Amino acid sequence: MPSKPTAKQHNCSSPFDDDDDDEPERLASDVLLGAKSIAGYITALGFPVNEIDVYYLHRAKKWPFNKYGFFLIASKRRLTRHAKEILRGPTTTIARGPPSR
């Protein structure tokens, strides 16, 4: 007789463990709140944009921004990673034909 599937176990521990006392400060320093601060950070990465450009990039889903109530919010770490991906260029896959005989 087949056994019943077991329920998935989720990690329910606190995100603020005793080992990581600086975790809230690290997260707070990673967050950019508002189009002006996001535009300044992206410009510092080498992509000159203004606040209006940031709203366009958000609507077009071109960069990893989110909304937090009325404000745009972004992670410095994710923006930096996205900028590196843009600079790296698209990854190409090699199309392989059928094996030769």
PDB file of N, CA and C in Angstrom:
ATOM      1  N   MET A   1       0.841  -1.171   0.000  1.00  0.00           N
ATOM      2  CA  MET A   1       0.000   0.000   0.000  1.00  0.00           C
ATOM      3  C   MET A   1       0.890   1.239   0.000  1.00  0.00           C
ATOM      4  N   PRO A   2       0.630   2.217  -0.871  1.00  0.00           N
ATOM      5  CA  PRO A   2       1.478   3.407  -0.921  1.00  0.00           C
ATOM      6  C   PRO A   2       1.322   4.227   0.362  1.00  0.00           C
ATOM      7  N   SER A   3       2.422   4.805   0.761  1.00  0.00           N
ATOM      8  CA  SER A   3       2.393   5.623   1.969  1.00  0.00           C
ATOM      9  C   SER A   3       1.854   7.008   1.650  1.00  0.00           C
ATOM     10  N   LYS A   4       1.293   7.652   2.677  1.00  0.00           N
ATOM     11  CA  LYS A   4       0.773   9.001   2.497  1.00  0.00           C
ATOM     12  C   LYS A   4       1.927   9.971   2.337  1.00  0.00           C
ATOM     13  N   PRO A   5       1.775  10.968   1.453  1.00  0.00           N
ATOM     14  CA  PRO A   5       2.844  11.964   1.342  1.00  0.00           C
ATOM     15  C   PRO A   5       2.941  12.763   2.639  1.00  0.00           C
ATOM     16  N   THR A   6       4.150  13.028   3.026  1.00  0.00           N
ATOM     17  CA  THR A   6       4.352  13.787   4.259  1.00  0.00           C
ATOM     18  C   THR A   6       4.238  15.269   3.968  1.00  0.00           C
ATOM     19  N   ALA A   7       3.832  16.005   4.968  1.00  0.00           N
ATOM     20  CA  ALA A   7       3.711  17.451   4.825  1.00  0.00           C
ATOM     21  C   ALA A   7       5.098  18.068   4.733  1.00  0.00           C
ATOM     22  N   LYS A   8       5.207  19.135   3.967  1.00  0.00           N
ATOM     23  CA  LYS A   8       6.490  19.810   3.846  1.00  0.00           C
ATOM     24  C   LYS A   8       6.845  20.488   5.152  1.00  0.00           C
ATOM     25  N   GLN A   9       8.086  20.410   5.510  1.00  0.00           N
ATOM     26  CA  GLN A   9       8.580  21.081   6.703  1.00  0.00           C
ATOM     27  C   GLN A   9       9.098  22.448   6.318  1.00  0.00           C
ATOM     28  N   HIS A  10       8.680  23.478   7.022  1.00  0.00           N
ATOM     29  CA  HIS A  10       9.122  24.835   6.761  1.00  0.00           C
ATOM     30  C   HIS A  10       9.978  25.312   7.912  1.00  0.00           C
ATOM     31  N   ASN A  11      10.948  26.103   7.596  1.00  0.00           N
ATOM     32  CA  ASN A  11      11.801  26.687   8.614  1.00  0.00           C
ATOM     33  C   ASN A  11      11.035  27.829   9.267  1.00  0.00           C
ATOM     34  N   CYS A  12      10.609  27.638  10.488  1.00  0.00           N
ATOM     35  CA  CYS A  12       9.799  28.640  11.185  1.00  0.00           C
ATOM     36  C   CYS A  12      10.618  29.424  12.197  1.00  0.00           C
ATOM     37  N   SER A  13      11.924  29.326  12.116  1.00  0.00           N
ATOM     38  CA  SER A  13      12.752  30.047  13.077  1.00  0.00           C
ATOM     39  C   SER A  13      12.732  31.533  12.778  1.00  0.00           C
ATOM     40  N   SER A  14      13.128  32.287  13.740  1.00  0.00           N
ATOM     41  CA  SER A  14      13.160  33.735  13.596  1.00  0.00           C
ATOM     42  C   SER A  14      14.223  34.129  12.582  1.00  0.00           C
ATOM     43  N   PRO A  15      13.952  35.142  11.733  1.00  0.00           N
ATOM     44  CA  PRO A  15      14.976  35.581  10.790  1.00  0.00           C
ATOM     45  C   PRO A  15      16.133  36.290  11.483  1.00  0.00           C
ATOM     46  N   PHE A  16      15.950  36.635  12.736  1.00  0.00           N
ATOM     47  CA  PHE A  16      16.986  37.318  13.498  1.00  0.00           C
ATOM     48  C   PHE A  16      17.543  36.377  14.546  1.00  0.00           C
ATOM     49  N   ASP A  17      18.429  35.480  14.124  1.00  0.00           N
ATOM     50  CA  ASP A  17      19.048  34.541  15.049  1.00  0.00           C
ATOM     51  C   ASP A  17      20.071  35.241  15.926  1.00  0.00           C
ATOM     52  N   ASP A  18      20.441  34.590  17.007  1.00  0.00           N
ATOM     53  CA  ASP A  18      21.415  35.169  17.928  1.00  0.00           C
ATOM     54  C   ASP A  18      22.792  35.315  17.285  1.00  0.00           C
ATOM     55  N   ASP A  19      23.100  34.474  16.303  1.00  0.00           N
ATOM     56  CA  ASP A  19      24.418  34.516  15.672  1.00  0.00           C
ATOM     57  C   ASP A  19      24.608  35.764  14.808  1.00  0.00           C
ATOM     58  N   ASP A  20      23.538  36.279  14.263  1.00  0.00           N
ATOM     59  CA  ASP A  20      23.617  37.408  13.341  1.00  0.00           C
ATOM     60  C   ASP A  20      23.052  38.666  13.989  1.00  0.00           C
ATOM     61  N   ASP A  21      23.811  39.261  14.894  1.00  0.00           N
ATOM     62  CA  ASP A  21      23.344  40.461  15.573  1.00  0.00           C
ATOM     63  C   ASP A  21      23.307  41.667  14.653  1.00  0.00           C
ATOM     64  N   ASP A  22      24.118  41.673  13.595  1.00  0.00           N
ATOM     65  CA  ASP A  22      24.158  42.815  12.691  1.00  0.00           C
ATOM     66  C   ASP A  22      23.214  42.660  11.501  1.00  0.00           C
ATOM     67  N   GLU A  23      22.402  41.616  11.465  1.00  0.00           N
ATOM     68  CA  GLU A  23      21.515  41.356  10.329  1.00  0.00           C
ATOM     69  C   GLU A  23      20.541  42.505  10.061  1.00  0.00           C
ATOM     70  N   PRO A  24      19.829  43.058  11.038  1.00  0.00           N
ATOM     71  CA  PRO A  24      18.919  44.170  10.723  1.00  0.00           C
ATOM     72  C   PRO A  24      19.652  45.386  10.160  1.00  0.00           C
ATOM     73  N   GLU A  25      20.836  45.683  10.677  1.00  0.00           N
ATOM     74  CA  GLU A  25      21.594  46.824  10.170  1.00  0.00           C
ATOM     75  C   GLU A  25      22.071  46.584   8.745  1.00  0.00           C
ATOM     76  N   ARG A  26      22.467  45.343   8.452  1.00  0.00           N
ATOM     77  CA  ARG A  26      22.921  45.007   7.099  1.00  0.00           C
ATOM     78  C   ARG A  26      21.770  45.127   6.117  1.00  0.00           C
ATOM     79  N   LEU A  27      20.596  44.645   6.505  1.00  0.00           N
ATOM     80  CA  LEU A  27      19.436  44.747   5.627  1.00  0.00           C
ATOM     81  C   LEU A  27      19.020  46.202   5.435  1.00  0.00           C
ATOM     82  N   ALA A  28      19.058  46.976   6.496  1.00  0.00           N
ATOM     83  CA  ALA A  28      18.654  48.385   6.395  1.00  0.00           C
ATOM     84  C   ALA A  28      19.607  49.164   5.497  1.00  0.00           C
ATOM     85  N   SER A  29      20.880  48.829   5.525  1.00  0.00           N
ATOM     86  CA  SER A  29      21.832  49.550   4.679  1.00  0.00           C
ATOM     87  C   SER A  29      21.733  49.116   3.214  1.00  0.00           C
ATOM     88  N   ASP A  30      21.061  48.003   2.937  1.00  0.00           N
ATOM     89  CA  ASP A  30      20.918  47.499   1.579  1.00  0.00           C
ATOM     90  C   ASP A  30      19.698  48.103   0.870  1.00  0.00           C
ATOM     91  N   VAL A  31      18.763  48.672   1.612  1.00  0.00           N
ATOM     92  CA  VAL A  31      17.498  49.130   1.051  1.00  0.00           C
ATOM     93  C   VAL A  31      17.592  50.565   0.545  1.00  0.00           C
ATOM     94  N   LEU A  32      17.039  50.792  -0.640  1.00  0.00           N
ATOM     95  CA  LEU A  32      16.892  52.131  -1.204  1.00  0.00           C
ATOM     96  C   LEU A  32      15.403  52.429  -1.260  1.00  0.00           C
ATOM     97  N   LEU A  33      14.984  53.543  -0.662  1.00  0.00           N
ATOM     98  CA  LEU A  33      13.578  53.899  -0.620  1.00  0.00           C
ATOM     99  C   LEU A  33      13.353  55.196  -1.393  1.00  0.00           C
ATOM    100  N   GLY A  34      12.558  55.113  -2.443  1.00  0.00           N
ATOM    101  CA  GLY A  34      12.233  56.286  -3.242  1.00  0.00           C
ATOM    102  C   GLY A  34      12.995  56.325  -4.553  1.00  0.00           C
ATOM    103  N   ALA A  35      12.352  56.919  -5.560  1.00  0.00           N
ATOM    104  CA  ALA A  35      12.934  56.979  -6.905  1.00  0.00           C
ATOM    105  C   ALA A  35      14.219  57.796  -6.937  1.00  0.00           C
ATOM    106  N   LYS A  36      14.298  58.824  -6.114  1.00  0.00           N
ATOM    107  CA  LYS A  36      15.485  59.676  -6.117  1.00  0.00           C
ATOM    108  C   LYS A  36      16.722  58.905  -5.649  1.00  0.00           C
ATOM    109  N   SER A  37      16.589  58.157  -4.558  1.00  0.00           N
ATOM    110  CA  SER A  37      17.740  57.394  -4.070  1.00  0.00           C
ATOM    111  C   SER A  37      18.085  56.240  -5.003  1.00  0.00           C
ATOM    112  N   ILE A  38      17.080  55.628  -5.616  1.00  0.00           N
ATOM    113  CA  ILE A  38      17.335  54.556  -6.586  1.00  0.00           C
ATOM    114  C   ILE A  38      18.053  55.112  -7.812  1.00  0.00           C
ATOM    115  N   ALA A  39      17.599  56.275  -8.302  1.00  0.00           N
ATOM    116  CA  ALA A  39      18.247  56.900  -9.464  1.00  0.00           C
ATOM    117  C   ALA A  39      19.699  57.242  -9.151  1.00  0.00           C
ATOM    118  N   GLY A  40      19.958  57.751  -7.953  1.00  0.00           N
ATOM    119  CA  GLY A  40      21.333  58.073  -7.575  1.00  0.00           C
ATOM    120  C   GLY A  40      22.225  56.848  -7.544  1.00  0.00           C
ATOM    121  N   TYR A  41      21.691  55.742  -7.030  1.00  0.00           N
ATOM    122  CA  TYR A  41      22.496  54.519  -6.946  1.00  0.00           C
ATOM    123  C   TYR A  41      22.763  53.940  -8.330  1.00  0.00           C
ATOM    124  N   ILE A  42      21.740  53.899  -9.180  1.00  0.00           N
ATOM    125  CA  ILE A  42      21.929  53.364 -10.536  1.00  0.00           C
ATOM    126  C   ILE A  42      22.907  54.244 -11.319  1.00  0.00           C
ATOM    127  N   THR A  43      22.831  55.557 -11.125  1.00  0.00           N
ATOM    128  CA  THR A  43      23.772  56.462 -11.782  1.00  0.00           C
ATOM    129  C   THR A  43      25.191  56.191 -11.304  1.00  0.00           C
ATOM    130  N   ALA A  44      25.353  55.915 -10.007  1.00  0.00           N
ATOM    131  CA  ALA A  44      26.669  55.598  -9.468  1.00  0.00           C
ATOM    132  C   ALA A  44      27.209  54.280 -10.044  1.00  0.00           C
ATOM    133  N   LEU A  45      26.299  53.385 -10.470  1.00  0.00           N
ATOM    134  CA  LEU A  45      26.723  52.135 -11.093  1.00  0.00           C
ATOM    135  C   LEU A  45      27.157  52.328 -12.546  1.00  0.00           C
ATOM    136  N   GLY A  46      26.931  53.535 -13.089  1.00  0.00           N
ATOM    137  CA  GLY A  46      27.362  53.804 -14.448  1.00  0.00           C
ATOM    138  C   GLY A  46      26.240  53.887 -15.462  1.00  0.00           C
ATOM    139  N   PHE A  47      24.999  53.904 -14.993  1.00  0.00           N
ATOM    140  CA  PHE A  47      23.840  54.013 -15.872  1.00  0.00           C
ATOM    141  C   PHE A  47      23.120  55.313 -15.512  1.00  0.00           C
ATOM    142  N   PRO A  48      23.422  56.416 -16.194  1.00  0.00           N
ATOM    143  CA  PRO A  48      22.828  57.700 -15.813  1.00  0.00           C
ATOM    144  C   PRO A  48      21.314  57.722 -16.039  1.00  0.00           C
ATOM    145  N   VAL A  49      20.568  57.844 -14.937  1.00  0.00           N
ATOM    146  CA  VAL A  49      19.109  57.918 -14.987  1.00  0.00           C
ATOM    147  C   VAL A  49      18.638  59.004 -14.028  1.00  0.00           C
ATOM    148  N   ASN A  50      17.409  59.465 -14.235  1.00  0.00           N
ATOM    149  CA  ASN A  50      16.796  60.390 -13.290  1.00  0.00           C
ATOM    150  C   ASN A  50      15.559  59.718 -12.694  1.00  0.00           C
ATOM    151  N   GLU A  51      14.825  60.450 -11.872  1.00  0.00           N
ATOM    152  CA  GLU A  51      13.659  59.872 -11.197  1.00  0.00           C
ATOM    153  C   GLU A  51      12.599  59.390 -12.184  1.00  0.00           C
ATOM    154  N   ILE A  52      12.364  60.162 -13.236  1.00  0.00           N
ATOM    155  CA  ILE A  52      11.349  59.773 -14.227  1.00  0.00           C
ATOM    156  C   ILE A  52      11.761  58.469 -14.911  1.00  0.00           C
ATOM    157  N   ASP A  53      13.055  58.334 -15.215  1.00  0.00           N
ATOM    158  CA  ASP A  53      13.545  57.094 -15.823  1.00  0.00           C
ATOM    159  C   ASP A  53      13.303  55.900 -14.903  1.00  0.00           C
ATOM    160  N   VAL A  54      13.478  56.110 -13.605  1.00  0.00           N
ATOM    161  CA  VAL A  54      13.281  55.023 -12.647  1.00  0.00           C
ATOM    162  C   VAL A  54      11.830  54.546 -12.672  1.00  0.00           C
ATOM    163  N   TYR A  55      10.881  55.485 -12.732  1.00  0.00           N
ATOM    164  CA  TYR A  55       9.473  55.086 -12.809  1.00  0.00           C
ATOM    165  C   TYR A  55       9.184  54.340 -14.106  1.00  0.00           C
ATOM    166  N   TYR A  56       9.796  54.764 -15.217  1.00  0.00           N
ATOM    167  CA  TYR A  56       9.628  54.039 -16.472  1.00  0.00           C
ATOM    168  C   TYR A  56      10.199  52.623 -16.359  1.00  0.00           C
ATOM    169  N   LEU A  57      11.403  52.509 -15.820  1.00  0.00           N
ATOM    170  CA  LEU A  57      12.036  51.200 -15.687  1.00  0.00           C
ATOM    171  C   LEU A  57      11.215  50.275 -14.796  1.00  0.00           C
ATOM    172  N   HIS A  58      10.550  50.848 -13.793  1.00  0.00           N
ATOM    173  CA  HIS A  58       9.684  50.043 -12.936  1.00  0.00           C
ATOM    174  C   HIS A  58       8.451  49.567 -13.711  1.00  0.00           C
ATOM    175  N   ARG A  59       7.786  50.475 -14.416  1.00  0.00           N
ATOM    176  CA  ARG A  59       6.588  50.095 -15.168  1.00  0.00           C
ATOM    177  C   ARG A  59       6.912  49.061 -16.245  1.00  0.00           C
ATOM    178  N   ALA A  60       8.062  49.220 -16.884  1.00  0.00           N
ATOM    179  CA  ALA A  60       8.459  48.302 -17.952  1.00  0.00           C
ATOM    180  C   ALA A  60       9.087  47.021 -17.403  1.00  0.00           C
ATOM    181  N   LYS A  61       9.264  46.958 -16.097  1.00  0.00           N
ATOM    182  CA  LYS A  61       9.871  45.783 -15.433  1.00  0.00           C
ATOM    183  C   LYS A  61      11.252  45.476 -15.998  1.00  0.00           C
ATOM    184  N   LYS A  62      12.031  46.534 -16.223  1.00  0.00           N
ATOM    185  CA  LYS A  62      13.375  46.385 -16.765  1.00  0.00           C
ATOM    186  C   LYS A  62      14.422  46.200 -15.665  1.00  0.00           C
ATOM    187  N   TRP A  63      14.143  46.690 -14.473  1.00  0.00           N
ATOM    188  CA  TRP A  63      15.065  46.590 -13.343  1.00  0.00           C
ATOM    189  C   TRP A  63      14.306  46.049 -12.137  1.00  0.00           C
ATOM    190  N   PRO A  64      15.001  45.467 -11.179  1.00  0.00           N
ATOM    191  CA  PRO A  64      14.331  44.848 -10.024  1.00  0.00           C
ATOM    192  C   PRO A  64      13.924  45.860  -8.946  1.00  0.00           C
ATOM    193  N   PHE A  65      12.816  46.579  -9.187  1.00  0.00           N
ATOM    194  CA  PHE A  65      12.231  47.479  -8.192  1.00  0.00           C
ATOM    195  C   PHE A  65      10.906  46.890  -7.737  1.00  0.00           C
ATOM    196  N   ASN A  66      10.459  47.315  -6.569  1.00  0.00           N
ATOM    197  CA  ASN A  66       9.145  46.948  -6.070  1.00  0.00           C
ATOM    198  C   ASN A  66       8.472  48.191  -5.520  1.00  0.00           C
ATOM    199  N   LYS A  67       7.208  48.064  -5.192  1.00  0.00           N
ATOM    200  CA  LYS A  67       6.474  49.148  -4.555  1.00  0.00           C
ATOM    201  C   LYS A  67       6.329  48.824  -3.074  1.00  0.00           C
ATOM    202  N   TYR A  68       6.483  49.828  -2.249  1.00  0.00           N
ATOM    203  CA  TYR A  68       6.226  49.714  -0.819  1.00  0.00           C
ATOM    204  C   TYR A  68       5.282  50.849  -0.484  1.00  0.00           C
ATOM    205  N   GLY A  69       3.978  50.553  -0.570  1.00  0.00           N
ATOM    206  CA  GLY A  69       2.986  51.603  -0.423  1.00  0.00           C
ATOM    207  C   GLY A  69       3.088  52.566  -1.588  1.00  0.00           C
ATOM    208  N   PHE A  70       3.356  53.812  -1.282  1.00  0.00           N
ATOM    209  CA  PHE A  70       3.461  54.854  -2.297  1.00  0.00           C
ATOM    210  C   PHE A  70       4.862  54.902  -2.929  1.00  0.00           C
ATOM    211  N   PHE A  71       5.854  54.329  -2.262  1.00  0.00           N
ATOM    212  CA  PHE A  71       7.258  54.466  -2.654  1.00  0.00           C
ATOM    213  C   PHE A  71       7.748  53.292  -3.489  1.00  0.00           C
ATOM    214  N   LEU A  72       8.736  53.576  -4.324  1.00  0.00           N
ATOM    215  CA  LEU A  72       9.500  52.505  -4.956  1.00  0.00           C
ATOM    216  C   LEU A  72      10.572  52.082  -3.971  1.00  0.00           C
ATOM    217  N   ILE A  73      10.900  50.808  -3.988  1.00  0.00           N
ATOM    218  CA  ILE A  73      11.914  50.279  -3.082  1.00  0.00           C
ATOM    219  C   ILE A  73      12.803  49.333  -3.885  1.00  0.00           C
ATOM    220  N   ALA A  74      14.078  49.303  -3.547  1.00  0.00           N
ATOM    221  CA  ALA A  74      15.014  48.432  -4.260  1.00  0.00           C
ATOM    222  C   ALA A  74      16.131  48.003  -3.317  1.00  0.00           C
ATOM    223  N   SER A  75      16.772  46.919  -3.672  1.00  0.00           N
ATOM    224  CA  SER A  75      17.920  46.402  -2.928  1.00  0.00           C
ATOM    225  C   SER A  75      19.192  46.767  -3.684  1.00  0.00           C
ATOM    226  N   LYS A  76      20.161  47.349  -2.995  1.00  0.00           N
ATOM    227  CA  LYS A  76      21.439  47.694  -3.626  1.00  0.00           C
ATOM    228  C   LYS A  76      22.103  46.446  -4.202  1.00  0.00           C
ATOM    229  N   ARG A  77      22.033  45.356  -3.461  1.00  0.00           N
ATOM    230  CA  ARG A  77      22.659  44.104  -3.886  1.00  0.00           C
ATOM    231  C   ARG A  77      22.033  43.606  -5.187  1.00  0.00           C
ATOM    232  N   ARG A  78      20.696  43.641  -5.281  1.00  0.00           N
ATOM    233  CA  ARG A  78      20.024  43.176  -6.498  1.00  0.00           C
ATOM    234  C   ARG A  78      20.262  44.114  -7.675  1.00  0.00           C
ATOM    235  N   LEU A  79      20.311  45.424  -7.413  1.00  0.00           N
ATOM    236  CA  LEU A  79      20.595  46.370  -8.491  1.00  0.00           C
ATOM    237  C   LEU A  79      22.008  46.172  -9.041  1.00  0.00           C
ATOM    238  N   THR A  80      22.958  45.961  -8.141  1.00  0.00           N
ATOM    239  CA  THR A  80      24.343  45.724  -8.568  1.00  0.00           C
ATOM    240  C   THR A  80      24.434  44.449  -9.401  1.00  0.00           C
ATOM    241  N   ARG A  81      23.758  43.387  -8.955  1.00  0.00           N
ATOM    242  CA  ARG A  81      23.767  42.128  -9.700  1.00  0.00           C
ATOM    243  C   ARG A  81      23.121  42.312 -11.076  1.00  0.00           C
ATOM    244  N   HIS A  82      22.018  43.058 -11.138  1.00  0.00           N
ATOM    245  CA  HIS A  82      21.343  43.299 -12.413  1.00  0.00           C
ATOM    246  C   HIS A  82      22.232  44.109 -13.363  1.00  0.00           C
ATOM    247  N   ALA A  83      22.934  45.111 -12.830  1.00  0.00           N
ATOM    248  CA  ALA A  83      23.845  45.915 -13.652  1.00  0.00           C
ATOM    249  C   ALA A  83      24.966  45.043 -14.218  1.00  0.00           C
ATOM    250  N   LYS A  84      25.492  44.134 -13.414  1.00  0.00           N
ATOM    251  CA  LYS A  84      26.541  43.228 -13.901  1.00  0.00           C
ATOM    252  C   LYS A  84      26.009  42.322 -15.003  1.00  0.00           C
ATOM    253  N   GLU A  85      24.763  41.862 -14.866  1.00  0.00           N
ATOM    254  CA  GLU A  85      24.168  41.016 -15.906  1.00  0.00           C
ATOM    255  C   GLU A  85      24.001  41.786 -17.209  1.00  0.00           C
ATOM    256  N   ILE A  86      23.623  43.062 -17.107  1.00  0.00           N
ATOM    257  CA  ILE A  86      23.483  43.892 -18.306  1.00  0.00           C
ATOM    258  C   ILE A  86      24.836  44.063 -18.981  1.00  0.00           C
ATOM    259  N   LEU A  87      25.852  44.333 -18.187  1.00  0.00           N
ATOM    260  CA  LEU A  87      27.191  44.549 -18.751  1.00  0.00           C
ATOM    261  C   LEU A  87      27.779  43.266 -19.332  1.00  0.00           C
ATOM    262  N   ARG A  88      27.413  42.132 -18.755  1.00  0.00           N
ATOM    263  CA  ARG A  88      27.918  40.850 -19.241  1.00  0.00           C
ATOM    264  C   ARG A  88      27.320  40.513 -20.596  1.00  0.00           C
ATOM    265  N   GLY A  89      26.100  40.962 -20.843  1.00  0.00           N
ATOM    266  CA  GLY A  89      25.443  40.684 -22.116  1.00  0.00           C
ATOM    267  C   GLY A  89      24.627  39.406 -22.052  1.00  0.00           C
ATOM    268  N   PRO A  90      23.872  39.156 -23.092  1.00  0.00           N
ATOM    269  CA  PRO A  90      23.010  37.966 -23.090  1.00  0.00           C
ATOM    270  C   PRO A  90      23.847  36.698 -23.187  1.00  0.00           C
ATOM    271  N   THR A  91      23.394  35.693 -22.491  1.00  0.00           N
ATOM    272  CA  THR A  91      24.066  34.401 -22.587  1.00  0.00           C
ATOM    273  C   THR A  91      23.507  33.684 -23.802  1.00  0.00           C
ATOM    274  N   THR A  92      24.385  33.095 -24.558  1.00  0.00           N
ATOM    275  CA  THR A  92      23.947  32.398 -25.764  1.00  0.00           C
ATOM    276  C   THR A  92      24.042  30.902 -25.541  1.00  0.00           C
ATOM    277  N   THR A  93      23.111  30.210 -26.109  1.00  0.00           N
ATOM    278  CA  THR A  93      23.158  28.742 -26.057  1.00  0.00           C
ATOM    279  C   THR A  93      23.522  28.260 -27.443  1.00  0.00           C
ATOM    280  N   ILE A  94      24.316  27.256 -27.476  1.00  0.00           N
ATOM    281  CA  ILE A  94      24.766  26.712 -28.737  1.00  0.00           C
ATOM    282  C   ILE A  94      23.707  25.724 -29.232  1.00  0.00           C
ATOM    283  N   ALA A  95      23.157  26.033 -30.394  1.00  0.00           N
ATOM    284  CA  ALA A  95      22.169  25.131 -30.986  1.00  0.00           C
ATOM    285  C   ALA A  95      22.919  23.976 -31.646  1.00  0.00           C
ATOM    286  N   ARG A  96      22.593  22.822 -31.224  1.00  0.00           N
ATOM    287  CA  ARG A  96      23.277  21.642 -31.780  1.00  0.00           C
ATOM    288  C   ARG A  96      22.334  20.900 -32.722  1.00  0.00           C
ATOM    289  N   GLY A  97      22.858  20.558 -33.833  1.00  0.00           N
ATOM    290  CA  GLY A  97      22.094  19.788 -34.802  1.00  0.00           C
ATOM    291  C   GLY A  97      22.098  18.310 -34.444  1.00  0.00           C
ATOM    292  N   PRO A  98      21.476  17.532 -35.286  1.00  0.00           N
ATOM    293  CA  PRO A  98      21.482  16.090 -35.034  1.00  0.00           C
ATOM    294  C   PRO A  98      22.903  15.533 -35.143  1.00  0.00           C
ATOM    295  N   PRO A  99      23.208  14.497 -34.424  1.00  0.00           N
ATOM    296  CA  PRO A  99      24.571  13.929 -34.482  1.00  0.00           C
ATOM    297  C   PRO A  99      24.912  13.468 -35.890  1.00  0.00           C
ATOM    298  N   SER A 100      26.158  13.685 -36.273  1.00  0.00           N
ATOM    299  CA  SER A 100      26.580  13.270 -37.620  1.00  0.00           C
ATOM    300  C   SER A 100      26.851  11.780 -37.632  1.00  0.00           C
ATOM    301  N   ARG A 101      26.697  11.179 -38.809  1.00  0.00           N
ATOM    302  CA  ARG A 101      26.897   9.717 -38.916  1.00  0.00           C
ATOM    303  C   ARG A 101      28.234   9.397 -39.461  1.00  0.00           C
TER     304      ARG A 101
END
